[in-house]
Amino acid sequence: MTTDSNKALVRAYHTELWEKGDKTSIDRYWSADAKVDVTDFDSNAIDAIHDDVARYWGAFKDVETEILTLVAEGDQVVLHWQTSGLHFGPYGDVAATNKRITMAGIDILRIENERIVECSSMWDGLSVYDQLGVLNIG
């Protein structure tokens, strides 16, 4: 695959999952034996992604997402994203606040044979919890 086709794959996956809410895209785009490093999830990659998505979609609605930057080199794609949503359900231990929050993060994905085989995801959780009003900063 080329860097352009790797970027197109990541763009399609992100759009289908986070913009359209199509959870079946996880199984279509991820390799069954993929490795993932996502905060707070300790399981195989497919299960971790399904769990992360279920937690997010169970807590937020009216979701909007944007790809801020998409850069590829070799078999790796760096996705800088921003997502916002209305907090209507529990998010971990945080009860619904009915606040609209925005979170941003960076995913570093490795593509092999037209599948995501590895992902390291980092997002600004401190900002999210601050927007939800559960932090006592300052």
C-alpha atoms as a PDB file:
ATOM      1  CA  MET A   1       0.000   0.000   0.000  1.00  0.00           C
ATOM      2  CA  THR A   2       1.095   3.577  -0.594  1.00  0.00           C
ATOM      3  CA  THR A   3       1.119   6.354   1.968  1.00  0.00           C
ATOM      4  CA  ASP A   4      -1.867   7.891   0.155  1.00  0.00           C
ATOM      5  CA  SER A   5      -3.873   4.665   0.357  1.00  0.00           C
ATOM      6  CA  ASN A   6      -2.926   4.269   4.041  1.00  0.00           C
ATOM      7  CA  LYS A   7      -4.183   7.808   4.722  1.00  0.00           C
ATOM      8  CA  ALA A   8      -7.379   7.093   2.793  1.00  0.00           C
ATOM      9  CA  LEU A   9      -7.965   3.940   4.846  1.00  0.00           C
ATOM     10  CA  VAL A  10      -7.535   5.812   8.152  1.00  0.00           C
ATOM     11  CA  ARG A  11      -9.737   8.683   6.949  1.00  0.00           C
ATOM     12  CA  ALA A  12     -12.486   6.242   5.906  1.00  0.00           C
ATOM     13  CA  TYR A  13     -12.278   4.338   9.196  1.00  0.00           C
ATOM     14  CA  HIS A  14     -12.368   7.506  11.326  1.00  0.00           C
ATOM     15  CA  THR A  15     -15.285   8.927   9.335  1.00  0.00           C
ATOM     16  CA  GLU A  16     -17.314   5.719   9.415  1.00  0.00           C
ATOM     17  CA  LEU A  17     -16.803   5.129  13.137  1.00  0.00           C
ATOM     18  CA  TRP A  18     -16.668   8.567  14.766  1.00  0.00           C
ATOM     19  CA  GLU A  19     -18.735  10.651  12.343  1.00  0.00           C
ATOM     20  CA  LYS A  20     -21.332   8.120  11.202  1.00  0.00           C
ATOM     21  CA  GLY A  21     -21.334   5.928  14.319  1.00  0.00           C
ATOM     22  CA  ASP A  22     -20.836   2.705  12.343  1.00  0.00           C
ATOM     23  CA  LYS A  23     -19.395   0.335  14.939  1.00  0.00           C
ATOM     24  CA  THR A  24     -19.089  -2.459  12.355  1.00  0.00           C
ATOM     25  CA  SER A  25     -16.211  -0.485  10.836  1.00  0.00           C
ATOM     26  CA  ILE A  26     -13.978  -1.719  13.679  1.00  0.00           C
ATOM     27  CA  ASP A  27     -14.144  -5.299  12.435  1.00  0.00           C
ATOM     28  CA  ARG A  28     -13.718  -4.204   8.804  1.00  0.00           C
ATOM     29  CA  TYR A  29     -10.622  -2.058   9.337  1.00  0.00           C
ATOM     30  CA  TRP A  30      -8.769  -3.757  12.198  1.00  0.00           C
ATOM     31  CA  SER A  31      -6.667  -6.909  11.951  1.00  0.00           C
ATOM     32  CA  ALA A  32      -7.871  -9.624  14.338  1.00  0.00           C
ATOM     33  CA  ASP A  33      -4.404  -9.821  15.946  1.00  0.00           C
ATOM     34  CA  ALA A  34      -3.753  -6.063  16.111  1.00  0.00           C
ATOM     35  CA  LYS A  35      -2.001  -4.429  19.039  1.00  0.00           C
ATOM     36  CA  VAL A  36      -3.417  -1.342  20.680  1.00  0.00           C
ATOM     37  CA  ASP A  37      -2.324   1.029  23.416  1.00  0.00           C
ATOM     38  CA  VAL A  38      -5.465   2.871  24.554  1.00  0.00           C
ATOM     39  CA  THR A  39      -5.771   4.366  28.033  1.00  0.00           C
ATOM     40  CA  ASP A  40      -7.754   2.289  30.562  1.00  0.00           C
ATOM     41  CA  PHE A  41      -8.314  -0.764  28.365  1.00  0.00           C
ATOM     42  CA  ASP A  42      -6.532  -4.042  28.976  1.00  0.00           C
ATOM     43  CA  SER A  43      -7.677  -6.558  26.381  1.00  0.00           C
ATOM     44  CA  ASN A  44      -7.029  -7.513  22.789  1.00  0.00           C
ATOM     45  CA  ALA A  45      -7.216  -4.675  20.268  1.00  0.00           C
ATOM     46  CA  ILE A  46     -10.629  -5.402  18.778  1.00  0.00           C
ATOM     47  CA  ASP A  47     -12.240  -5.758  22.220  1.00  0.00           C
ATOM     48  CA  ALA A  48     -10.459  -2.633  23.522  1.00  0.00           C
ATOM     49  CA  ILE A  49     -11.674  -0.533  20.600  1.00  0.00           C
ATOM     50  CA  HIS A  50     -15.240  -1.892  20.929  1.00  0.00           C
ATOM     51  CA  ASP A  51     -15.154  -1.131  24.696  1.00  0.00           C
ATOM     52  CA  ASP A  52     -13.790   2.394  24.128  1.00  0.00           C
ATOM     53  CA  VAL A  53     -16.422   3.134  21.488  1.00  0.00           C
ATOM     54  CA  ALA A  54     -19.244   1.739  23.660  1.00  0.00           C
ATOM     55  CA  ARG A  55     -18.109   3.906  26.583  1.00  0.00           C
ATOM     56  CA  TYR A  56     -17.971   7.036  24.411  1.00  0.00           C
ATOM     57  CA  TRP A  57     -21.237   6.529  22.491  1.00  0.00           C
ATOM     58  CA  GLY A  58     -22.992   5.575  25.731  1.00  0.00           C
ATOM     59  CA  ALA A  59     -22.002   8.910  27.266  1.00  0.00           C
ATOM     60  CA  PHE A  60     -22.099  11.368  24.352  1.00  0.00           C
ATOM     61  CA  LYS A  61     -24.602  12.212  21.622  1.00  0.00           C
ATOM     62  CA  ASP A  62     -24.820  14.836  18.887  1.00  0.00           C
ATOM     63  CA  VAL A  63     -21.220  13.939  18.131  1.00  0.00           C
ATOM     64  CA  GLU A  64     -19.158  15.967  15.698  1.00  0.00           C
ATOM     65  CA  THR A  65     -15.652  14.998  14.678  1.00  0.00           C
ATOM     66  CA  GLU A  66     -12.923  16.566  12.619  1.00  0.00           C
ATOM     67  CA  ILE A  67      -9.624  15.318  11.268  1.00  0.00           C
ATOM     68  CA  LEU A  68      -7.202  18.148  12.012  1.00  0.00           C
ATOM     69  CA  THR A  69      -4.102  16.559  10.493  1.00  0.00           C
ATOM     70  CA  LEU A  70      -3.381  13.323   8.691  1.00  0.00           C
ATOM     71  CA  VAL A  71       0.265  12.495   7.966  1.00  0.00           C
ATOM     72  CA  ALA A  72       1.685   9.259   6.581  1.00  0.00           C
ATOM     73  CA  GLU A  73       5.150   7.844   6.184  1.00  0.00           C
ATOM     74  CA  GLY A  74       5.786   4.266   5.171  1.00  0.00           C
ATOM     75  CA  ASP A  75       3.260   2.016   6.879  1.00  0.00           C
ATOM     76  CA  GLN A  76       2.390   4.538   9.616  1.00  0.00           C
ATOM     77  CA  VAL A  77      -0.347   7.175   9.710  1.00  0.00           C
ATOM     78  CA  VAL A  78      -0.620   9.905  12.328  1.00  0.00           C
ATOM     79  CA  LEU A  79      -4.185  11.080  12.881  1.00  0.00           C
ATOM     80  CA  HIS A  80      -4.747  14.298  14.855  1.00  0.00           C
ATOM     81  CA  TRP A  81      -8.468  14.486  15.639  1.00  0.00           C
ATOM     82  CA  GLN A  82     -10.993  16.530  17.549  1.00  0.00           C
ATOM     83  CA  THR A  83     -14.412  15.314  18.646  1.00  0.00           C
ATOM     84  CA  SER A  84     -17.207  17.034  20.516  1.00  0.00           C
ATOM     85  CA  GLY A  85     -20.454  15.764  21.951  1.00  0.00           C
ATOM     86  CA  LEU A  86     -23.207  16.383  24.472  1.00  0.00           C
ATOM     87  CA  HIS A  87     -22.582  14.474  27.716  1.00  0.00           C
ATOM     88  CA  PHE A  88     -25.929  12.734  28.286  1.00  0.00           C
ATOM     89  CA  GLY A  89     -24.923   9.457  29.996  1.00  0.00           C
ATOM     90  CA  PRO A  90     -22.349   8.184  32.486  1.00  0.00           C
ATOM     91  CA  TYR A  91     -18.710   8.467  31.400  1.00  0.00           C
ATOM     92  CA  GLY A  92     -16.827   6.182  33.721  1.00  0.00           C
ATOM     93  CA  ASP A  93     -17.710   7.436  37.210  1.00  0.00           C
ATOM     94  CA  VAL A  94     -19.000  10.797  35.930  1.00  0.00           C
ATOM     95  CA  ALA A  95     -22.782  11.121  35.779  1.00  0.00           C
ATOM     96  CA  ALA A  96     -24.362  12.986  32.866  1.00  0.00           C
ATOM     97  CA  THR A  97     -23.727  16.733  32.998  1.00  0.00           C
ATOM     98  CA  ASN A  98     -25.579  17.804  29.830  1.00  0.00           C
ATOM     99  CA  LYS A  99     -22.465  19.804  28.919  1.00  0.00           C
ATOM    100  CA  ARG A 100     -21.017  19.870  25.433  1.00  0.00           C
ATOM    101  CA  ILE A 101     -17.354  18.928  25.625  1.00  0.00           C
ATOM    102  CA  THR A 102     -14.541  18.766  23.107  1.00  0.00           C
ATOM    103  CA  MET A 103     -11.691  16.284  23.240  1.00  0.00           C
ATOM    104  CA  ALA A 104      -8.616  16.095  21.053  1.00  0.00           C
ATOM    105  CA  GLY A 105      -6.022  13.431  20.526  1.00  0.00           C
ATOM    106  CA  ILE A 106      -3.464  11.809  18.319  1.00  0.00           C
ATOM    107  CA  ASP A 107      -3.499   8.234  17.065  1.00  0.00           C
ATOM    108  CA  ILE A 108      -0.427   6.643  15.544  1.00  0.00           C
ATOM    109  CA  LEU A 109      -1.583   3.729  13.410  1.00  0.00           C
ATOM    110  CA  ARG A 110       0.359   1.112  11.480  1.00  0.00           C
ATOM    111  CA  ILE A 111      -1.236  -0.370   8.368  1.00  0.00           C
ATOM    112  CA  GLU A 112      -0.479  -3.786   6.907  1.00  0.00           C
ATOM    113  CA  ASN A 113      -2.404  -5.599   4.162  1.00  0.00           C
ATOM    114  CA  GLU A 114      -5.133  -2.934   4.173  1.00  0.00           C
ATOM    115  CA  ARG A 115      -5.814  -3.399   7.909  1.00  0.00           C
ATOM    116  CA  ILE A 116      -4.887  -1.490  11.040  1.00  0.00           C
ATOM    117  CA  VAL A 117      -2.417  -3.722  12.877  1.00  0.00           C
ATOM    118  CA  GLU A 118      -1.196  -1.364  15.577  1.00  0.00           C
ATOM    119  CA  CYS A 119      -2.387   1.823  17.267  1.00  0.00           C
ATOM    120  CA  SER A 120      -1.132   4.060  20.019  1.00  0.00           C
ATOM    121  CA  SER A 121      -3.772   6.591  21.061  1.00  0.00           C
ATOM    122  CA  MET A 122      -3.177   9.650  23.221  1.00  0.00           C
ATOM    123  CA  TRP A 123      -5.883  12.169  24.134  1.00  0.00           C
ATOM    124  CA  ASP A 124      -6.245  15.060  26.557  1.00  0.00           C
ATOM    125  CA  GLY A 125      -8.277  13.460  29.338  1.00  0.00           C
ATOM    126  CA  LEU A 126      -7.453  16.249  31.786  1.00  0.00           C
ATOM    127  CA  SER A 127      -9.209  18.774  29.549  1.00  0.00           C
ATOM    128  CA  VAL A 128     -12.244  16.480  29.205  1.00  0.00           C
ATOM    129  CA  TYR A 129     -12.656  16.060  32.956  1.00  0.00           C
ATOM    130  CA  ASP A 130     -12.121  19.795  33.453  1.00  0.00           C
ATOM    131  CA  GLN A 131     -14.904  20.532  30.930  1.00  0.00           C
ATOM    132  CA  LEU A 132     -17.150  18.042  32.725  1.00  0.00           C
ATOM    133  CA  GLY A 133     -16.548  20.039  35.933  1.00  0.00           C
ATOM    134  CA  VAL A 134     -15.146  17.220  38.020  1.00  0.00           C
ATOM    135  CA  LEU A 135     -11.667  18.656  38.611  1.00  0.00           C
ATOM    136  CA  ASN A 136     -10.747  21.072  41.365  1.00  0.00           C
ATOM    137  CA  ILE A 137      -7.901  22.888  39.627  1.00  0.00           C
ATOM    138  CA  GLY A 138      -6.652  26.241  40.832  1.00  0.00           C
END
